[in-house]
Protein backbone atom coordinates (compact mmCIF):
# COMPACT_ATOMS: atom_id res chain seq x y z
CA UNK A 1 -12.02 -21.68 -2.22
CA UNK A 2 -8.46 -20.31 -2.31
CA UNK A 3 -7.62 -21.96 1.00
CA UNK A 4 -9.14 -25.28 0.00
CA UNK A 5 -6.87 -25.13 -3.05
CA UNK A 6 -3.86 -24.29 -0.85
CA UNK A 7 -4.80 -27.07 1.54
CA UNK A 8 -5.20 -29.54 -1.33
CA UNK A 9 -1.80 -28.51 -2.69
CA UNK A 10 -0.27 -28.89 0.75
CA UNK A 11 -1.90 -32.32 1.12
CA UNK A 12 -0.56 -33.53 -2.22
CA UNK A 13 2.88 -32.30 -1.21
CA UNK A 14 2.61 -34.06 2.15
CA UNK A 15 1.70 -37.32 0.46
CA UNK A 16 5.09 -37.33 -1.20
CA UNK A 17 6.98 -36.53 1.98
CA UNK A 18 5.13 -39.02 4.22
CA UNK A 19 7.10 -41.94 2.83
CA UNK A 20 10.32 -40.50 4.25
CA UNK A 21 9.09 -38.78 7.39
CA UNK A 22 8.32 -40.80 10.51
CA UNK A 23 6.99 -37.89 12.58
CA UNK A 24 3.84 -36.02 11.70
CA UNK A 25 4.65 -33.61 8.88
CA UNK A 26 4.63 -29.95 9.87
CA UNK A 27 2.73 -27.41 7.79
CA UNK A 28 3.47 -23.79 8.62
CA UNK A 29 1.09 -20.98 7.68
CA UNK A 30 2.94 -17.70 8.11
CA UNK A 31 0.80 -14.59 8.10
CA UNK A 32 2.10 -11.04 7.59
CA UNK A 33 0.12 -8.89 10.02
CA UNK A 34 -2.89 -8.50 12.27
CA UNK A 35 -4.13 -5.28 10.68
CA UNK A 36 -5.66 -7.18 7.77
CA UNK A 37 -8.40 -8.81 9.82
CA UNK A 38 -9.15 -11.65 7.44
CA UNK A 39 -5.78 -13.36 7.97
CA UNK A 40 -6.59 -14.30 11.58
CA UNK A 41 -10.38 -14.36 11.41
CA UNK A 42 -10.90 -16.25 8.14
CA UNK A 43 -7.81 -17.47 6.33
CA UNK A 44 -6.06 -19.27 9.19
CA UNK A 45 -9.20 -21.01 10.54
CA UNK A 46 -10.34 -22.08 7.05
CA UNK A 47 -6.89 -23.41 6.19
CA UNK A 48 -6.57 -25.25 9.51
CA UNK A 49 -9.97 -26.92 9.09
CA UNK A 50 -9.24 -27.85 5.47
CA UNK A 51 -5.89 -29.37 6.46
CA UNK A 52 -7.49 -31.34 9.31
CA UNK A 53 -9.91 -32.84 6.79
CA UNK A 54 -7.43 -33.47 3.98
CA UNK A 55 -4.33 -34.40 6.01
CA UNK A 56 -5.35 -35.20 9.59
CA UNK A 57 -1.87 -36.55 10.35
CA UNK A 58 -0.26 -33.15 9.69
CA UNK A 59 0.57 -30.67 12.42
CA UNK A 60 -0.56 -27.21 11.29
CA UNK A 61 1.30 -24.30 12.87
CA UNK A 62 -0.02 -20.76 12.26
CA UNK A 63 2.21 -17.81 13.09
CA UNK A 64 1.79 -14.07 12.54
CA UNK A 65 4.66 -11.64 11.91
CA UNK A 66 2.57 -8.73 13.24
CA UNK A 67 3.79 -6.51 10.41
CA UNK A 68 7.47 -7.06 11.20
CA UNK A 69 9.45 -8.42 8.21
CA UNK A 70 12.39 -9.38 10.46
CA UNK A 71 10.04 -11.40 12.68
CA UNK A 72 8.63 -13.19 9.64
CA UNK A 73 12.15 -13.95 8.42
CA UNK A 74 12.86 -15.51 11.82
CA UNK A 75 9.62 -17.53 11.53
CA UNK A 76 10.69 -18.81 8.09
CA UNK A 77 14.09 -19.81 9.48
CA UNK A 78 12.42 -21.52 12.46
CA UNK A 79 10.02 -23.43 10.18
CA UNK A 80 12.99 -24.63 8.12
CA UNK A 81 14.90 -25.61 11.28
CA UNK A 82 11.87 -27.60 12.48
CA UNK A 83 11.81 -29.56 9.22
CA UNK A 84 8.67 -28.05 7.70
CA UNK A 85 7.18 -30.21 4.96
CA UNK A 86 5.16 -27.26 3.65
CA UNK A 87 5.34 -23.50 4.21
CA UNK A 88 2.30 -21.43 3.20
CA UNK A 89 3.40 -17.82 3.30
CA UNK A 90 1.82 -14.42 2.81
CA UNK A 91 4.78 -12.11 3.06
CA UNK A 92 5.24 -9.07 5.26
CA UNK A 93 8.07 -8.03 2.90
CA UNK A 94 8.44 -10.02 -0.31
CA UNK A 95 11.99 -8.85 -0.99
CA UNK A 96 13.31 -9.90 2.41
CA UNK A 97 11.56 -13.22 2.76
CA UNK A 98 12.33 -14.53 -0.74
CA UNK A 99 16.00 -14.96 0.13
CA UNK A 100 15.20 -16.96 3.25
CA UNK A 101 12.92 -19.28 1.33
CA UNK A 102 15.80 -20.29 -0.93
CA UNK A 103 17.18 -22.38 1.95
CA UNK A 104 13.91 -24.26 2.47
CA UNK A 105 13.77 -27.92 1.60
CA UNK A 106 10.03 -27.69 2.25
CA UNK A 107 7.53 -27.09 -0.48
CA UNK A 108 6.65 -23.40 -0.39
CA UNK A 109 3.39 -21.76 -1.37
CA UNK A 110 4.25 -18.06 -1.57
CA UNK A 111 1.53 -15.44 -1.78
CA UNK A 112 2.35 -11.77 -2.18
CA UNK A 113 0.20 -9.34 -4.06
CA UNK A 114 2.98 -6.78 -4.33
CA UNK A 115 6.73 -6.67 -4.06
CA UNK A 116 7.71 -4.74 -0.96
CA UNK A 117 5.82 -4.24 2.24
CA UNK A 118 2.36 -5.75 2.32
């Protein structure tokens, strides 16, 4: 249910940006690690399917930081550089990534259960 809600939020956000964008809007889902099995086995597939149903014109890009906060920061910067319409993020390090998100013109859905390393 959580990912349908995230997908619905992302879809509503995309609806507003479609009027200006000519290319397919990019939705980035940035995961923190591979040690929490559900990120790759459940969350990403559920989100991708929900987005394909709710916003079939969107390009969904899933990336995993593999537990490396610096890698996730680079992924955030890359998503911004690619003109992300939406960034759905579960942080590898909430303190580090929050600063990088300040530069995003995309709509950001930020999920971190704790400040610090996840």
